[in-house]
N, C-alpha and C. Protein backbone atom coordinates (compact mmCIF):
# COMPACT_ATOMS: atom_id res chain seq x y z
N MET A 1 0.66 -1.52 0.06
CA MET A 1 0.06 -0.19 -0.14
C MET A 1 0.51 1.55 -0.42
N SER A 2 0.67 2.43 -0.84
CA SER A 2 1.70 3.57 -1.10
C SER A 2 1.29 4.24 0.50
N PRO A 3 2.44 4.94 0.46
CA PRO A 3 2.01 5.93 1.94
C PRO A 3 1.05 6.94 1.38
N LEU A 4 0.48 7.34 2.53
CA LEU A 4 -0.57 8.38 2.13
C LEU A 4 -0.17 9.75 1.66
N SER A 5 -0.44 10.89 1.08
CA SER A 5 0.18 11.96 0.69
C SER A 5 -0.15 13.07 1.85
N LEU A 6 0.87 14.24 2.11
CA LEU A 6 0.45 15.13 2.68
C LEU A 6 -1.14 15.46 3.10
N ARG A 7 -1.29 15.81 1.83
CA ARG A 7 -3.02 16.36 1.88
C ARG A 7 -3.94 15.17 2.13
N GLU A 8 -3.92 14.10 1.88
CA GLU A 8 -4.56 13.06 2.73
C GLU A 8 -4.49 12.78 3.90
N ARG A 9 -3.01 13.27 4.33
CA ARG A 9 -2.65 12.87 6.18
C ARG A 9 -3.34 14.29 6.16
N LEU A 10 -3.13 15.39 6.07
CA LEU A 10 -3.94 16.59 6.57
C LEU A 10 -5.59 16.28 6.68
N ALA A 11 -5.92 15.84 5.43
CA ALA A 11 -7.58 15.83 5.77
C ALA A 11 -8.14 14.54 6.67
N ALA A 12 -7.07 13.82 7.11
CA ALA A 12 -7.23 12.71 7.86
C ALA A 12 -7.34 13.31 9.51
N LYS A 13 -6.02 14.10 9.42
CA LYS A 13 -5.91 14.46 10.92
C LYS A 13 -7.30 15.68 11.25
N ARG A 14 -7.48 16.47 10.72
CA ARG A 14 -8.75 17.51 10.74
C ARG A 14 -9.79 16.38 10.67
N ALA A 15 -10.27 15.44 10.09
CA ALA A 15 -11.64 14.52 10.37
C ALA A 15 -11.29 14.23 11.30
N ALA A 16 -10.35 13.64 12.46
CA ALA A 16 -10.01 13.07 13.61
C ALA A 16 -10.35 14.61 14.93
N GLU A 17 -9.42 15.63 14.02
CA GLU A 17 -9.49 16.46 15.12
C GLU A 17 -10.83 17.10 15.50
N ALA A 18 -11.81 17.18 14.18
CA ALA A 18 -13.29 17.62 15.01
C ALA A 18 -13.35 16.57 15.13
N GLY A 19 -13.79 15.18 14.75
CA GLY A 19 -14.68 14.25 15.83
C GLY A 19 -14.09 14.07 17.27
N GLU A 20 -13.71 15.10 18.06
CA GLU A 20 -12.88 14.63 19.47
C GLU A 20 -13.99 15.74 19.75
N ALA A 21 -14.87 15.07 19.62
CA ALA A 21 -16.13 15.92 20.94
C ALA A 21 -16.08 17.62 20.25
N GLY A 22 -15.69 18.06 19.07
CA GLY A 22 -15.94 19.37 18.64
C GLY A 22 -14.84 20.09 19.78
N GLU A 23 -13.73 19.51 19.88
CA GLU A 23 -12.54 20.25 20.27
C GLU A 23 -12.32 20.91 19.31
N LYS A 24 -11.86 22.23 19.32
CA LYS A 24 -11.02 23.48 18.40
C LYS A 24 -9.85 22.41 17.99
N PRO A 25 -9.74 22.54 16.48
CA PRO A 25 -8.27 21.56 16.01
C PRO A 25 -7.19 22.11 16.89
N LYS A 26 -5.86 21.39 16.56
CA LYS A 26 -4.34 21.76 17.11
C LYS A 26 -4.04 23.33 16.31
N GLY A 27 -3.27 24.14 17.38
CA GLY A 27 -2.85 25.22 16.04
C GLY A 27 -3.67 26.68 15.75
N ASP A 28 -2.81 27.05 15.46
CA ASP A 28 -3.66 28.21 15.27
C ASP A 28 -3.05 29.10 13.79
N TRP A 29 -4.54 29.62 13.37
CA TRP A 29 -4.02 30.06 11.89
C TRP A 29 -3.03 31.65 11.63
N PHE A 30 -2.03 30.90 11.13
CA PHE A 30 -1.01 32.23 10.77
C PHE A 30 -1.74 32.91 9.54
N VAL A 31 -0.85 34.26 8.64
CA VAL A 31 -1.33 34.70 7.48
C VAL A 31 0.08 35.30 6.99
N LEU A 32 0.77 34.29 6.13
CA LEU A 32 1.92 34.13 5.56
C LEU A 32 1.53 35.46 4.34
N HIS A 33 2.60 36.51 4.32
CA HIS A 33 2.54 37.29 2.72
C HIS A 33 3.43 36.73 1.96
N THR A 34 3.13 36.42 0.34
CA THR A 34 3.87 36.08 -0.83
C THR A 34 3.42 36.72 -1.65
N TYR A 35 4.83 36.46 -2.51
CA TYR A 35 4.46 37.79 -4.06
C TYR A 35 3.29 37.37 -4.41
N SER A 36 2.97 38.02 -4.96
CA SER A 36 1.37 38.20 -5.69
C SER A 36 1.63 37.51 -7.07
N GLY A 37 0.57 36.26 -6.71
CA GLY A 37 0.69 35.28 -7.93
C GLY A 37 1.08 33.44 -7.93
N TYR A 38 1.99 34.09 -6.61
CA TYR A 38 3.03 32.80 -6.39
C TYR A 38 2.20 32.21 -5.37
N GLU A 39 1.17 32.94 -4.93
CA GLU A 39 0.36 31.75 -3.58
C GLU A 39 0.31 29.99 -3.62
N ASN A 40 0.09 29.53 -4.63
CA ASN A 40 -0.01 28.23 -5.11
C ASN A 40 1.21 27.76 -5.03
N LYS A 41 1.85 28.41 -5.64
CA LYS A 41 3.75 27.72 -5.70
C LYS A 41 4.00 27.53 -4.12
N VAL A 42 3.64 28.59 -3.34
CA VAL A 42 4.07 28.46 -2.08
C VAL A 42 3.84 27.39 -1.28
N LYS A 43 2.31 27.43 -1.39
CA LYS A 43 1.68 26.89 -0.89
C LYS A 43 2.58 24.88 -1.10
N ARG A 44 2.40 24.61 -2.33
CA ARG A 44 3.03 23.63 -2.65
C ARG A 44 4.45 23.52 -1.75
N THR A 45 5.07 24.23 -2.17
CA THR A 45 6.92 24.00 -1.54
C THR A 45 6.18 24.03 -0.20
N ILE A 46 5.72 24.52 0.74
CA ILE A 46 5.31 24.80 2.29
C ILE A 46 5.23 23.21 2.79
N GLU A 47 4.27 22.32 1.52
CA GLU A 47 3.98 21.05 1.94
C GLU A 47 5.12 20.51 1.81
N SER A 48 5.90 20.72 0.97
CA SER A 48 7.06 19.67 0.24
C SER A 48 8.67 20.08 1.80
N ARG A 49 8.19 21.33 2.39
CA ARG A 49 9.12 21.58 3.52
C ARG A 49 9.09 20.88 4.24
N VAL A 50 7.86 21.20 4.73
CA VAL A 50 7.05 20.09 5.96
C VAL A 50 7.46 19.13 5.81
N GLU A 51 6.99 17.78 5.09
CA GLU A 51 7.52 16.67 4.71
C GLU A 51 8.91 16.87 5.35
N ALA A 52 9.74 17.33 4.28
CA ALA A 52 10.80 17.22 4.09
C ALA A 52 11.49 17.37 5.72
N LEU A 53 11.18 18.44 6.38
CA LEU A 53 11.83 18.81 7.79
C LEU A 53 11.21 17.82 8.33
N ASP A 54 10.52 17.33 8.39
CA ASP A 54 9.69 16.43 9.62
C ASP A 54 8.38 17.45 10.88
N LEU A 55 7.59 18.21 9.94
CA LEU A 55 7.09 19.56 10.46
C LEU A 55 5.79 18.90 10.65
N THR A 56 5.13 17.74 10.15
CA THR A 56 4.05 17.74 10.23
C THR A 56 3.70 17.17 11.44
N ASP A 57 4.20 17.36 12.23
CA ASP A 57 3.86 17.18 13.90
C ASP A 57 2.93 18.91 14.11
N ARG A 58 3.38 19.72 13.21
CA ARG A 58 3.29 20.27 14.00
C ARG A 58 2.96 21.90 12.98
N VAL A 59 2.82 21.61 11.67
CA VAL A 59 1.92 22.47 10.82
C VAL A 59 1.15 21.44 9.88
N TYR A 60 -0.10 21.36 10.19
CA TYR A 60 -1.29 21.08 10.17
C TYR A 60 -1.65 21.18 8.98
N GLU A 61 -2.39 22.49 8.30
CA GLU A 61 -3.02 23.06 6.92
C GLU A 61 -2.38 24.09 6.55
N ILE A 62 -2.71 23.84 4.75
CA ILE A 62 -1.84 25.05 4.76
C ILE A 62 -3.29 25.67 3.45
N VAL A 63 -3.62 26.64 3.28
CA VAL A 63 -5.02 27.00 2.67
C VAL A 63 -4.46 28.46 1.56
N VAL A 64 -5.03 28.37 0.52
CA VAL A 64 -4.85 29.51 -0.17
C VAL A 64 -6.40 29.84 -0.36
N PRO A 65 -7.08 31.10 -0.06
CA PRO A 65 -8.48 31.14 -0.03
C PRO A 65 -9.02 31.42 -1.27
N THR A 66 -9.62 30.39 -1.93
CA THR A 66 -10.21 30.60 -3.03
C THR A 66 -11.64 31.10 -3.32
N GLN A 67 -12.21 31.44 -4.40
CA GLN A 67 -13.85 31.44 -4.84
C GLN A 67 -14.02 30.91 -6.14
N GLU A 68 -14.90 30.08 -6.48
CA GLU A 68 -15.22 29.87 -7.73
C GLU A 68 -15.75 30.91 -8.27
N GLU A 69 -15.89 31.31 -9.78
CA GLU A 69 -15.89 32.50 -10.61
C GLU A 69 -16.63 31.98 -11.76
N ILE A 70 -17.35 32.86 -12.25
CA ILE A 70 -17.73 32.30 -14.02
C ILE A 70 -17.39 33.31 -14.62
N GLU A 71 -16.27 33.08 -15.78
CA GLU A 71 -15.99 34.01 -16.45
C GLU A 71 -16.26 33.97 -18.06
N ILE A 72 -17.06 35.31 -18.58
CA ILE A 72 -17.65 35.13 -19.39
C ILE A 72 -16.57 35.92 -20.59
N ARG A 73 -16.16 34.90 -21.61
CA ARG A 73 -15.22 34.97 -22.47
C ARG A 73 -15.51 34.61 -23.80
N SER A 74 -15.61 35.05 -24.80
CA SER A 74 -16.26 35.09 -26.45
C SER A 74 -17.01 34.21 -26.42
N GLY A 75 -18.07 35.06 -25.21
CA GLY A 75 -19.61 34.25 -25.53
C GLY A 75 -19.38 32.81 -24.70
N GLN A 76 -18.52 32.40 -24.16
CA GLN A 76 -18.24 31.08 -23.14
C GLN A 76 -18.38 31.70 -21.55
N ARG A 77 -18.88 30.29 -20.88
CA ARG A 77 -18.40 30.55 -19.46
C ARG A 77 -17.52 29.68 -19.49
N HIS A 78 -16.67 30.37 -18.35
CA HIS A 78 -15.37 29.45 -18.09
C HIS A 78 -15.35 29.36 -16.51
N GLN A 79 -15.30 28.61 -15.90
CA GLN A 79 -15.30 28.70 -14.01
C GLN A 79 -13.99 28.55 -13.87
N VAL A 80 -12.98 29.64 -13.12
CA VAL A 80 -11.96 30.23 -13.02
C VAL A 80 -12.25 30.40 -11.35
N GLN A 81 -10.79 29.75 -10.28
CA GLN A 81 -10.98 29.86 -9.04
C GLN A 81 -9.76 31.09 -8.80
N LYS A 82 -10.87 32.00 -8.35
CA LYS A 82 -10.13 34.14 -7.99
C LYS A 82 -9.89 33.58 -6.46
N LYS A 83 -8.65 34.14 -6.34
CA LYS A 83 -7.90 34.14 -5.18
C LYS A 83 -8.87 35.47 -4.21
N VAL A 84 -9.21 35.12 -2.73
CA VAL A 84 -10.04 36.22 -2.35
C VAL A 84 -9.01 36.93 -1.48
N PHE A 85 -7.93 36.27 -1.20
CA PHE A 85 -6.73 37.48 -0.62
C PHE A 85 -5.60 37.13 -1.46
N PRO A 86 -5.33 37.70 -2.52
CA PRO A 86 -4.41 37.70 -3.37
C PRO A 86 -3.20 38.28 -2.81
N GLY A 87 -2.02 37.25 -2.75
CA GLY A 87 -0.51 37.75 -2.05
C GLY A 87 -0.75 37.28 -1.04
N TYR A 88 -1.92 35.94 0.06
CA TYR A 88 -2.05 36.01 1.36
C TYR A 88 -2.34 34.32 1.22
N VAL A 89 -1.39 33.54 1.94
CA VAL A 89 -1.80 32.06 2.85
C VAL A 89 -1.94 32.25 3.51
N LEU A 90 -2.51 31.07 3.79
CA LEU A 90 -3.09 30.73 5.47
C LEU A 90 -2.49 29.52 5.78
N VAL A 91 -1.90 29.35 6.83
CA VAL A 91 -1.10 28.21 7.67
C VAL A 91 -1.69 28.20 9.30
N ARG A 92 -2.39 26.68 9.84
CA ARG A 92 -2.71 26.42 10.61
C ARG A 92 -1.43 25.38 11.16
N MET A 93 -0.30 26.25 12.54
CA MET A 93 0.16 25.55 12.66
C MET A 93 0.40 25.97 14.70
N GLU A 94 1.71 24.76 15.09
CA GLU A 94 2.08 25.54 16.03
C GLU A 94 3.59 26.80 15.91
N LEU A 95 3.43 27.62 16.20
CA LEU A 95 4.06 28.73 15.97
C LEU A 95 5.29 28.64 17.19
N ASP A 96 6.21 28.13 16.89
CA ASP A 96 8.01 28.13 17.69
C ASP A 96 8.97 28.20 16.61
N ASP A 97 10.46 28.47 17.24
CA ASP A 97 11.12 28.94 16.45
C ASP A 97 11.71 28.31 14.79
N GLU A 98 11.43 26.81 15.07
CA GLU A 98 11.42 26.05 14.06
C GLU A 98 10.49 26.25 12.71
N THR A 99 9.11 25.86 13.08
CA THR A 99 8.48 26.18 12.09
C THR A 99 8.29 27.94 11.47
N TRP A 100 8.27 29.02 12.44
CA TRP A 100 8.50 30.00 12.17
C TRP A 100 9.79 29.94 11.19
N TYR A 101 11.23 30.00 10.96
CA TYR A 101 12.14 30.07 9.94
C TYR A 101 11.72 28.77 9.12
N ALA A 102 11.49 27.91 9.39
CA ALA A 102 10.93 26.98 7.88
C ALA A 102 9.77 27.72 7.15
N LEU A 103 9.02 28.20 7.47
CA LEU A 103 7.70 28.24 6.57
C LEU A 103 8.04 30.39 6.18
N ARG A 104 8.90 30.91 7.12
CA ARG A 104 9.64 32.82 7.02
C ARG A 104 10.48 32.54 5.87
N ASN A 105 10.97 31.20 5.75
CA ASN A 105 12.73 31.04 4.66
C ASN A 105 11.99 30.64 3.16
N THR A 106 10.30 30.11 3.30
CA THR A 106 9.92 29.37 1.82
C THR A 106 10.16 30.29 0.60
N PRO A 107 10.52 29.93 -0.25
CA PRO A 107 10.99 31.07 -1.65
C PRO A 107 9.56 31.25 -1.91
N GLY A 108 8.92 32.46 -1.99
CA GLY A 108 7.93 33.21 -2.17
C GLY A 108 7.21 34.06 -1.33
N VAL A 109 7.79 33.78 0.06
CA VAL A 109 7.33 34.28 1.11
C VAL A 109 7.99 35.34 1.69
N THR A 110 7.58 36.60 1.92
CA THR A 110 7.88 37.59 2.45
C THR A 110 8.01 38.10 3.96
N GLY A 111 7.03 36.88 4.55
CA GLY A 111 7.25 37.64 6.17
C GLY A 111 5.54 36.91 6.41
N PHE A 112 5.23 36.45 7.63
CA PHE A 112 4.27 36.70 8.39
C PHE A 112 3.62 38.08 8.42
N ILE A 113 2.46 37.88 8.93
CA ILE A 113 1.41 39.30 9.16
C ILE A 113 1.88 39.56 10.63
N ASN A 114 2.29 40.29 11.21
CA ASN A 114 3.13 40.52 12.33
C ASN A 114 2.66 41.99 13.19
N ILE A 115 2.86 41.90 14.25
CA ILE A 115 2.92 42.99 15.02
C ILE A 115 4.20 43.22 15.47
N ASN A 116 5.17 44.07 15.79
CA ASN A 116 6.44 44.02 16.25
C ASN A 116 7.19 43.05 16.26
N ASN A 117 7.56 42.52 14.88
CA ASN A 117 7.65 41.26 14.39
C ASN A 117 7.53 40.32 14.84
N LYS A 118 6.04 39.98 15.66
CA LYS A 118 5.47 38.60 16.20
C LYS A 118 4.62 38.16 16.03
N PRO A 119 4.42 37.11 14.80
CA PRO A 119 3.62 36.79 14.18
C PRO A 119 2.25 36.65 15.05
N ILE A 120 0.82 37.20 14.20
CA ILE A 120 -0.03 37.22 14.89
C ILE A 120 -1.27 36.26 14.45
N ALA A 121 -1.87 35.52 15.56
CA ALA A 121 -2.83 34.25 14.79
C ALA A 121 -4.11 35.21 14.99
N LEU A 122 -4.27 34.72 13.68
CA LEU A 122 -6.26 34.81 13.37
C LEU A 122 -7.28 34.63 14.55
N ARG A 123 -8.27 35.38 14.96
CA ARG A 123 -9.18 34.69 15.23
C ARG A 123 -10.11 33.86 14.89
N GLU A 124 -10.55 32.86 15.56
CA GLU A 124 -11.46 31.60 15.44
C GLU A 124 -12.69 32.03 14.15
N GLU A 125 -13.38 33.46 14.11
CA GLU A 125 -14.32 33.58 14.14
C GLU A 125 -14.05 34.49 12.68
N GLU A 126 -12.77 34.71 12.53
CA GLU A 126 -11.79 35.01 11.40
C GLU A 126 -11.91 34.37 10.29
N VAL A 127 -11.67 32.99 11.20
CA VAL A 127 -11.17 32.06 9.95
C VAL A 127 -12.68 31.20 9.71
N GLN A 128 -13.23 31.36 10.49
CA GLN A 128 -14.75 30.91 10.22
C GLN A 128 -15.14 31.15 8.89
N ALA A 129 -15.18 32.75 8.88
CA ALA A 129 -15.62 33.25 7.92
C ALA A 129 -14.68 33.60 6.42
N ILE A 130 -13.55 33.22 6.85
CA ILE A 130 -13.02 32.97 5.39
C ILE A 130 -12.99 31.91 4.86
N MET A 131 -13.20 30.20 5.75
CA MET A 131 -13.38 29.18 5.16
C MET A 131 -14.97 28.92 4.86
N LYS A 132 -15.83 29.59 5.14
CA LYS A 132 -17.36 29.54 4.55
C LYS A 132 -17.40 30.29 3.49
N GLY A 133 -16.87 31.24 3.52
CA GLY A 133 -16.72 32.40 2.11
C GLY A 133 -16.63 31.66 0.77
N MET A 134 -15.03 30.12 1.02
CA MET A 134 -14.70 29.65 0.24
C MET A 134 -15.67 28.98 -0.50
N THR A 135 -16.61 28.06 0.79
CA THR A 135 -17.23 27.13 0.03
C THR A 135 -18.67 27.28 -0.12
N ALA A 136 -19.94 28.46 1.11
CA ALA A 136 -21.01 28.36 0.79
C ALA A 136 -21.50 29.55 -0.45
N GLU A 137 -20.87 29.97 -0.87
CA GLU A 137 -21.49 30.70 -2.57
C GLU A 137 -21.41 29.74 -3.41
N ALA A 138 -22.59 30.21 -3.96
CA ALA A 138 -22.51 29.95 -5.46
C ALA A 138 -21.59 30.51 -6.51
N PRO A 139 -21.10 29.80 -7.64
CA PRO A 139 -19.75 30.58 -7.92
C PRO A 139 -20.74 32.21 -8.65
N LYS A 140 -19.63 33.21 -8.54
CA LYS A 140 -20.20 34.67 -9.30
C LYS A 140 -19.79 34.57 -10.40
N VAL A 141 -20.81 35.58 -11.37
CA VAL A 141 -20.77 35.81 -12.49
C VAL A 141 -19.73 36.75 -12.85
N LYS A 142 -18.43 36.71 -13.05
CA LYS A 142 -17.97 37.76 -13.69
C LYS A 142 -18.07 38.53 -15.01
N ILE A 143 -18.51 39.83 -15.18
CA ILE A 143 -19.09 40.39 -16.27
C ILE A 143 -17.85 41.47 -16.38
N ALA A 144 -18.14 42.34 -17.55
CA ALA A 144 -17.33 43.47 -18.03
C ALA A 144 -18.28 44.19 -18.16
N PHE A 145 -19.85 44.07 -18.15
CA PHE A 145 -20.69 44.98 -18.23
C PHE A 145 -20.82 46.42 -17.51
N GLN A 146 -21.25 47.59 -17.79
CA GLN A 146 -21.54 47.86 -16.76
C GLN A 146 -23.11 49.18 -17.52
N VAL A 147 -23.68 49.35 -16.41
CA VAL A 147 -25.14 50.29 -16.83
C VAL A 147 -24.32 51.83 -17.57
N GLY A 148 -25.17 51.94 -18.71
CA GLY A 148 -24.75 52.75 -20.04
C GLY A 148 -23.74 52.18 -21.43
N ASP A 149 -23.41 50.58 -21.00
CA ASP A 149 -22.44 50.36 -21.97
C ASP A 149 -23.41 49.84 -23.27
N THR A 150 -22.95 50.46 -24.24
CA THR A 150 -23.06 49.91 -25.55
C THR A 150 -23.42 48.61 -25.98
N VAL A 151 -24.46 47.69 -26.15
CA VAL A 151 -23.86 46.35 -26.62
C VAL A 151 -24.72 46.26 -27.64
N ARG A 152 -23.82 45.12 -28.61
CA ARG A 152 -24.99 44.40 -29.61
C ARG A 152 -25.60 43.16 -29.09
N ILE A 153 -26.50 42.51 -29.43
CA ILE A 153 -27.77 41.21 -28.96
C ILE A 153 -26.98 40.32 -30.02
N THR A 154 -26.27 39.34 -29.49
CA THR A 154 -25.32 38.36 -30.34
C THR A 154 -26.54 36.83 -30.64
N ASP A 155 -27.88 36.86 -29.56
CA ASP A 155 -28.34 35.64 -29.91
C ASP A 155 -30.07 36.15 -29.74
N GLY A 156 -30.78 35.34 -30.34
CA GLY A 156 -32.60 35.42 -29.98
C GLY A 156 -32.91 36.23 -30.59
N PRO A 157 -34.06 36.32 -30.91
CA PRO A 157 -34.62 37.62 -31.74
C PRO A 157 -34.94 38.88 -31.78
N PHE A 158 -33.59 39.23 -31.13
CA PHE A 158 -33.26 40.70 -31.47
C PHE A 158 -31.37 40.63 -31.31
N ALA A 159 -31.08 39.43 -32.48
CA ALA A 159 -30.01 39.40 -32.55
C ALA A 159 -29.74 40.50 -33.54
N ASP A 160 -28.26 41.23 -33.88
CA ASP A 160 -27.73 42.08 -34.19
C ASP A 160 -28.40 43.37 -34.11
N PHE A 161 -29.24 43.67 -33.09
CA PHE A 161 -29.95 44.98 -32.48
C PHE A 161 -28.69 45.51 -31.81
N ARG A 162 -28.26 46.98 -31.15
CA ARG A 162 -27.90 47.41 -30.59
C ARG A 162 -28.87 47.79 -29.30
N GLY A 163 -28.31 47.99 -28.23
CA GLY A 163 -28.64 49.09 -27.22
C GLY A 163 -27.65 49.17 -26.06
N GLU A 164 -28.47 50.02 -25.17
CA GLU A 164 -27.69 50.44 -23.96
C GLU A 164 -28.01 49.42 -22.98
N ILE A 165 -27.00 49.40 -22.09
CA ILE A 165 -27.12 48.83 -20.75
C ILE A 165 -28.04 49.38 -19.74
N ASP A 166 -29.54 49.26 -19.29
CA ASP A 166 -29.92 49.94 -18.09
C ASP A 166 -29.95 49.50 -16.57
N GLU A 167 -29.80 48.35 -16.97
CA GLU A 167 -29.85 47.32 -15.39
C GLU A 167 -28.95 46.02 -15.41
N ILE A 168 -28.52 45.70 -14.61
CA ILE A 168 -27.83 44.48 -14.42
C ILE A 168 -28.18 43.66 -13.30
N ASN A 169 -28.54 42.57 -13.57
CA ASN A 169 -29.17 41.52 -12.44
C ASN A 169 -27.91 40.30 -12.09
N GLN A 170 -26.94 40.96 -11.36
CA GLN A 170 -26.10 39.83 -10.92
C GLN A 170 -26.58 37.98 -10.67
N GLU A 171 -26.90 38.62 -10.07
CA GLU A 171 -27.95 37.30 -9.15
C GLU A 171 -28.30 36.40 -10.36
N ARG A 172 -29.18 37.19 -10.92
CA ARG A 172 -30.03 36.31 -12.22
C ARG A 172 -29.05 35.95 -13.43
N GLY A 173 -27.99 36.57 -13.19
CA GLY A 173 -27.14 36.62 -14.61
C GLY A 173 -27.72 37.54 -16.13
N LYS A 174 -28.48 37.85 -15.74
CA LYS A 174 -29.49 38.90 -16.75
C LYS A 174 -28.71 40.32 -16.93
N ILE A 175 -29.17 40.97 -18.07
CA ILE A 175 -29.00 42.67 -18.51
C ILE A 175 -30.35 42.98 -18.62
N ARG A 176 -30.85 44.43 -18.57
CA ARG A 176 -31.60 45.10 -19.13
C ARG A 176 -31.18 45.82 -20.28
N VAL A 177 -31.53 45.51 -21.44
CA VAL A 177 -31.23 46.39 -22.59
C VAL A 177 -32.10 47.30 -23.07
N LEU A 178 -31.70 48.15 -23.08
CA LEU A 178 -32.67 49.34 -24.12
C LEU A 178 -32.88 49.60 -26.01
N VAL A 179 -33.27 48.92 -26.21
CA VAL A 179 -33.08 48.43 -27.50
C VAL A 179 -34.07 49.33 -28.78
N SER A 180 -33.84 50.33 -29.42
CA SER A 180 -34.91 51.23 -29.91
C SER A 180 -35.53 50.59 -31.61
N PHE A 181 -37.05 50.58 -31.30
CA PHE A 181 -37.61 50.02 -32.44
C PHE A 181 -38.54 51.23 -33.20
N PHE A 182 -38.65 51.51 -33.96
CA PHE A 182 -39.57 52.62 -34.89
C PHE A 182 -39.03 53.99 -34.03
N GLY A 183 -38.15 53.86 -33.57
CA GLY A 183 -38.06 55.37 -32.54
C GLY A 183 -38.45 55.49 -31.38
N ARG A 184 -38.80 54.08 -30.62
CA ARG A 184 -39.28 54.19 -29.47
C ARG A 184 -38.16 53.07 -28.83
N GLU A 185 -37.45 53.19 -27.59
CA GLU A 185 -36.74 52.23 -26.68
C GLU A 185 -37.54 51.70 -26.17
N THR A 186 -37.29 50.15 -26.42
CA THR A 186 -38.02 48.87 -25.72
C THR A 186 -37.21 48.46 -25.02
N PRO A 187 -37.36 47.88 -23.56
CA PRO A 187 -36.24 47.23 -22.57
C PRO A 187 -36.21 45.90 -22.68
N VAL A 188 -35.35 45.20 -22.81
CA VAL A 188 -35.63 43.47 -23.59
C VAL A 188 -34.48 43.13 -22.25
N GLU A 189 -34.85 42.26 -21.62
CA GLU A 189 -34.18 41.02 -20.49
C GLU A 189 -33.12 40.41 -21.77
N LEU A 190 -31.72 39.74 -21.10
CA LEU A 190 -31.13 39.12 -21.70
C LEU A 190 -30.51 38.53 -20.74
N ASP A 191 -29.93 37.14 -21.25
CA ASP A 191 -28.77 36.60 -20.64
C ASP A 191 -26.99 36.95 -20.36
N PHE A 192 -26.08 36.98 -19.92
CA PHE A 192 -25.08 37.90 -20.09
C PHE A 192 -24.42 36.94 -21.22
N LEU A 193 -24.70 35.86 -21.96
CA LEU A 193 -24.50 35.34 -22.84
C LEU A 193 -24.55 35.78 -24.53
N GLN A 194 -26.25 36.79 -23.49
CA GLN A 194 -26.61 36.95 -25.42
C GLN A 194 -26.32 38.28 -25.56
N ALA A 195 -25.58 39.02 -25.12
CA ALA A 195 -25.00 40.84 -25.85
C ALA A 195 -23.53 40.11 -25.42
N GLU A 196 -22.96 41.36 -26.24
CA GLU A 196 -21.02 41.43 -26.41
C GLU A 196 -21.33 43.00 -26.40
N ARG A 197 -19.74 43.46 -25.49
CA ARG A 197 -19.97 44.98 -25.49
C ARG A 197 -19.48 45.46 -26.24
N GLU A 198 -19.64 46.67 -27.07
CA GLU A 198 -19.32 47.14 -28.51
C GLU A 198 -17.94 47.96 -27.83
N SER A 199 -16.81 47.44 -28.38
CA SER A 199 -14.96 48.16 -28.26
C SER A 199 -15.36 49.88 -29.21
């Protein structure tokens, strides 16, 4: 049988800790500041270092907070992972000189969020809010439209008509466009995919 990966061991450890009569998981959450765009690379490097330096008994979990977003590009929906806090990685760990040094000196890390050079732990309610935000919400649709933009309708009975966006409804993924018919402006409701912004 192959040995469990760090991720599998962390998941098993988290499940075991959560099962201990609702006890608070071990360690505290600290925030590492990283070069922007290096968050996932830093996470993988920390996982490797924790394994190599045998710190798995003190570094429990590494998280890059993300949310799912739907981007509309070229009339297609694309699901993307958007970083909630670009340039930051959360780590649940026991802070001591050895763990501080190992994480602080990880390539891509610029330091711990600290006060007077002492890393500060996140409060439990802050951690809960971040974790809940990662999983609870349905993916948001990211659009490039703004009220007042001129769009060309690309689909449906009004295809090739042009109009001005009067209203955007993010929750429903709809826009209301004022289209001119016979000299009168008529509101038309469209899905985000049925229009493209005129450049």
